[in-house]
Amino acid sequence: MSYKTILFDLDGTITDSGEGIMHSVVYALKKMKVKIPDQKELYSFIGPPLTDSFKRLYHFDDLKASLAVEYYRDYYQKQGIYENHVYAGISELLINLKAAGCTLYIATSKPEICAKQILTHFDLSSYFDGIYGASLDGGRSRKGDVIQYALKKSAITHFEETLMVGDRSHDIIGAKENRLTSIGVLYGFGDQAELELAGADYIVETPKEIEKIIINN
């Protein structure tokens, strides 16, 4: 088995958090008196750092983007966090990877405190030796920075045995920035073109295919 240390994204990889995230974005945009966009634009919020998305899509300055994130969190922390479910096949994947001797971690652009709360809610936190995410102050939000933070905190140095699994381009790009092999998943919120363009080493359609790549290598 070539890959012994596995980093997983959370949104779009472990859980389908789309409903809660989109409802939270809608709440924030209403507070900011911005016209509510179509579903495709709302989907683009899933994965990347929130501040970056508000700036990119609505040309918010730092102050307005920060306020929008605050509104987002008002809804998300009370309700949106639970508008979420675990993808089919994920529990079996985690069980089988642990049984095969893999060490598992979470590396997400979601605030770390929220990631821990979600994984505890779904009884998944025990599968992970570390749960790493963005800082609430925005100082650590880029996926590459979160992955670097996870590697450092976990004292991971055998990069050739370490794999990043995610559903969006920033997961793949962040993996490359840290010299890691990557798996892009199609059951989340990215698509084939996005993952190919980002340079994913593998692209899969189901959690079972992730298991086959890791255990059969």
Protein backbone atom coordinates (compact mmCIF):
# COMPACT_ATOMS: atom_id res chain seq x y z
CA MET A 1 0.00 0.00 0.00
CA SER A 2 1.64 3.23 -1.19
CA TYR A 3 -0.60 5.70 0.64
CA LYS A 4 -0.72 5.40 4.41
CA THR A 5 -1.72 8.94 5.42
CA ILE A 6 -4.96 10.32 3.98
CA LEU A 7 -6.20 13.92 4.23
CA PHE A 8 -9.88 14.45 3.47
CA ASP A 9 -11.74 17.59 2.60
CA LEU A 10 -15.06 17.84 4.48
CA ASP A 11 -17.74 19.67 2.44
CA GLY A 12 -18.47 17.77 -0.75
CA THR A 13 -16.19 14.89 0.21
CA ILE A 14 -17.31 13.51 3.58
CA THR A 15 -20.66 15.29 3.90
CA ASP A 16 -23.14 16.87 1.53
CA SER A 17 -23.37 20.27 3.15
CA GLY A 18 -24.86 22.07 0.16
CA GLU A 19 -28.26 22.87 1.64
CA GLY A 20 -26.92 24.45 4.82
CA ILE A 21 -24.21 26.44 3.04
CA MET A 22 -26.58 27.82 0.41
CA HIS A 23 -29.20 28.77 2.99
CA SER A 24 -26.49 30.55 4.99
CA VAL A 25 -25.26 32.44 1.91
CA VAL A 26 -28.82 33.49 1.04
CA TYR A 27 -29.31 34.76 4.60
CA ALA A 28 -26.07 36.77 4.41
CA LEU A 29 -26.87 38.26 0.98
CA LYS A 30 -30.32 39.33 2.15
CA LYS A 31 -28.71 41.06 5.11
CA MET A 32 -26.28 42.76 2.71
CA LYS A 33 -29.23 43.73 0.45
CA VAL A 34 -27.78 41.84 -2.50
CA LYS A 35 -30.01 40.16 -5.10
CA ILE A 36 -30.16 36.41 -4.53
CA PRO A 37 -28.32 34.61 -7.37
CA ASP A 38 -29.27 31.38 -9.12
CA GLN A 39 -28.40 27.99 -7.66
CA LYS A 40 -25.25 27.58 -9.80
CA GLU A 41 -23.74 30.72 -8.31
CA LEU A 42 -24.73 29.64 -4.81
CA TYR A 43 -23.03 26.27 -5.39
CA SER A 44 -19.77 28.08 -6.09
CA PHE A 45 -19.61 29.01 -2.39
CA ILE A 46 -19.17 25.38 -1.42
CA GLY A 47 -15.50 24.68 -0.84
CA PRO A 48 -13.51 27.90 -1.28
CA PRO A 49 -12.93 30.32 1.62
CA LEU A 50 -16.08 32.39 2.17
CA THR A 51 -14.30 35.74 2.20
CA ASP A 52 -12.75 35.03 -1.19
CA SER A 53 -16.13 34.06 -2.66
CA PHE A 54 -17.89 37.19 -1.43
CA LYS A 55 -15.08 39.36 -2.82
CA ARG A 56 -14.90 37.54 -6.15
CA LEU A 57 -18.62 37.36 -6.87
CA TYR A 58 -19.83 40.68 -5.43
CA HIS A 59 -16.67 42.81 -5.39
CA PHE A 60 -16.96 43.34 -1.64
CA ASP A 61 -14.06 45.13 0.04
CA ASP A 62 -12.46 43.62 3.15
CA LEU A 63 -14.97 45.24 5.51
CA LYS A 64 -18.08 44.19 3.58
CA ALA A 65 -16.75 40.67 3.02
CA SER A 66 -16.05 40.34 6.74
CA LEU A 67 -19.58 41.51 7.58
CA ALA A 68 -21.08 39.07 5.07
CA VAL A 69 -19.14 36.21 6.69
CA GLU A 70 -20.47 37.26 10.10
CA TYR A 71 -24.06 37.13 8.80
CA TYR A 72 -23.34 33.77 7.16
CA ARG A 73 -22.11 32.36 10.46
CA ASP A 74 -25.12 33.71 12.34
CA TYR A 75 -27.35 31.38 10.34
CA TYR A 76 -24.88 28.56 9.82
CA GLN A 77 -23.92 28.03 13.46
CA LYS A 78 -27.54 27.96 14.61
CA GLN A 79 -29.16 25.99 11.81
CA GLY A 80 -27.16 25.55 8.61
CA ILE A 81 -24.55 23.30 10.20
CA TYR A 82 -27.24 20.61 10.65
CA GLU A 83 -28.69 20.94 7.13
CA ASN A 84 -26.18 18.34 6.10
CA HIS A 85 -25.76 14.58 5.65
CA VAL A 86 -22.98 12.02 5.22
CA TYR A 87 -22.51 10.69 1.69
CA ALA A 88 -23.43 7.05 1.10
CA GLY A 89 -20.40 4.81 1.39
CA ILE A 90 -18.29 7.18 3.49
CA SER A 91 -18.64 5.32 6.79
CA GLU A 92 -17.62 2.06 5.12
CA LEU A 93 -14.69 3.80 3.44
CA LEU A 94 -13.38 5.18 6.75
CA ILE A 95 -13.82 1.82 8.51
CA ASN A 96 -11.96 -0.04 5.76
CA LEU A 97 -9.12 2.47 5.52
CA LYS A 98 -8.57 2.33 9.27
CA ALA A 99 -8.66 -1.48 9.17
CA ALA A 100 -6.00 -1.37 6.43
CA GLY A 101 -3.71 0.66 8.70
CA CYS A 102 -4.22 4.14 7.25
CA THR A 103 -4.02 7.28 9.38
CA LEU A 104 -6.80 9.73 8.51
CA TYR A 105 -7.09 13.50 8.87
CA ILE A 106 -9.49 16.26 7.89
CA ALA A 107 -8.14 19.35 6.07
CA THR A 108 -10.98 21.78 5.32
CA SER A 109 -11.45 25.46 4.52
CA LYS A 110 -14.39 25.40 6.94
CA PRO A 111 -13.57 26.87 10.37
CA GLU A 112 -11.91 24.18 12.44
CA ILE A 113 -14.38 24.53 15.30
CA CYS A 114 -17.31 23.91 12.91
CA ALA A 115 -15.60 20.91 11.29
CA LYS A 116 -15.14 19.29 14.71
CA GLN A 117 -18.77 19.98 15.60
CA ILE A 118 -20.06 18.42 12.36
CA LEU A 119 -17.91 15.29 12.62
CA THR A 120 -18.94 14.82 16.25
CA HIS A 121 -22.61 15.26 15.31
CA PHE A 122 -22.31 12.47 12.72
CA ASP A 123 -20.20 10.22 15.00
CA LEU A 124 -17.26 10.35 12.59
CA SER A 125 -14.63 12.21 14.62
CA SER A 126 -13.15 9.01 16.08
CA TYR A 127 -11.90 7.95 12.64
CA PHE A 128 -9.59 10.96 12.38
CA ASP A 129 -6.31 11.47 14.19
CA GLY A 130 -6.57 15.21 13.53
CA ILE A 131 -9.26 17.63 12.34
CA TYR A 132 -7.76 20.77 10.81
CA GLY A 133 -9.51 23.76 9.30
CA ALA A 134 -9.52 27.49 8.78
CA SER A 135 -9.02 29.95 11.61
CA LEU A 136 -11.99 32.13 12.52
CA ASP A 137 -9.99 35.33 12.01
CA GLY A 138 -9.32 34.45 8.37
CA GLY A 139 -5.57 34.23 8.84
CA ARG A 140 -5.61 30.61 7.67
CA SER A 141 -8.22 30.03 4.99
CA ARG A 142 -6.50 29.06 1.71
CA LYS A 143 -6.61 25.30 1.18
CA GLY A 144 -2.86 25.09 0.63
CA ASP A 145 -2.30 26.83 3.96
CA VAL A 146 -4.75 24.52 5.76
CA ILE A 147 -3.01 21.46 4.31
CA GLN A 148 0.39 22.82 5.32
CA TYR A 149 -0.96 23.46 8.83
CA ALA A 150 -2.32 19.89 9.01
CA LEU A 151 0.99 18.41 7.87
CA LYS A 152 2.95 20.46 10.39
CA LYS A 153 0.62 19.85 13.35
CA SER A 154 0.57 16.11 12.66
CA ALA A 155 4.34 15.93 12.01
CA ILE A 156 3.73 14.34 8.61
CA THR A 157 6.97 14.21 6.63
CA HIS A 158 6.54 11.23 4.28
CA PHE A 159 4.76 13.21 1.58
CA GLU A 160 5.15 10.39 -0.95
CA GLU A 161 2.88 8.25 1.28
CA THR A 162 0.32 11.03 1.83
CA LEU A 163 -2.80 11.64 -0.23
CA MET A 164 -5.32 14.49 -0.36
CA VAL A 165 -8.96 13.73 -1.25
CA GLY A 166 -11.32 16.55 -2.25
CA ASP A 167 -14.05 17.62 -4.65
CA ARG A 168 -12.95 21.09 -5.81
CA SER A 169 -10.01 22.58 -7.67
CA HIS A 170 -8.59 24.29 -4.59
CA ASP A 171 -8.24 20.86 -2.91
CA ILE A 172 -6.14 19.64 -5.83
CA ILE A 173 -4.11 22.84 -6.13
CA GLY A 174 -3.51 22.87 -2.36
CA ALA A 175 -2.26 19.29 -2.55
CA LYS A 176 0.16 20.21 -5.34
CA GLU A 177 1.45 23.19 -3.36
CA ASN A 178 2.36 20.74 -0.60
CA ARG A 179 3.79 18.05 -2.91
CA LEU A 180 0.96 15.60 -2.29
CA THR A 181 -0.83 13.20 -4.62
CA SER A 182 -4.53 14.01 -4.99
CA ILE A 183 -7.85 12.30 -5.65
CA GLY A 184 -10.69 14.40 -7.02
CA VAL A 185 -14.21 13.12 -6.34
CA LEU A 186 -17.14 13.64 -8.68
CA TYR A 187 -19.93 12.93 -6.18
CA GLY A 188 -19.31 16.32 -4.53
CA PHE A 189 -19.60 19.83 -5.98
CA GLY A 190 -16.81 19.89 -8.56
CA ASP A 191 -16.91 18.36 -12.03
CA GLN A 192 -14.59 16.44 -14.33
CA ALA A 193 -13.36 19.52 -16.21
CA GLU A 194 -12.56 21.44 -13.01
CA LEU A 195 -10.64 18.54 -11.46
CA GLU A 196 -8.76 17.74 -14.66
CA LEU A 197 -7.77 21.38 -15.14
CA ALA A 198 -6.51 21.54 -11.55
CA GLY A 199 -4.36 18.46 -12.24
CA ALA A 200 -5.90 15.76 -10.04
CA ASP A 201 -3.81 12.58 -10.09
CA TYR A 202 -6.95 10.44 -9.84
CA ILE A 203 -10.62 11.23 -10.44
CA VAL A 204 -13.32 8.94 -9.01
CA GLU A 205 -17.09 8.74 -8.92
CA THR A 206 -17.67 6.89 -5.63
CA PRO A 207 -16.12 6.44 -2.18
CA LYS A 208 -15.51 2.78 -3.06
CA GLU A 209 -13.13 3.88 -5.83
CA ILE A 210 -11.14 5.90 -3.29
CA GLU A 211 -10.70 2.74 -1.25
CA LYS A 212 -9.53 0.76 -4.29
CA ILE A 213 -6.89 3.36 -5.19
CA ILE A 214 -5.50 3.56 -1.67
CA ILE A 215 -5.58 -0.09 -0.65
CA ASN A 216 -4.57 -1.54 -4.01
CA ASN A 217 -1.53 0.69 -4.43
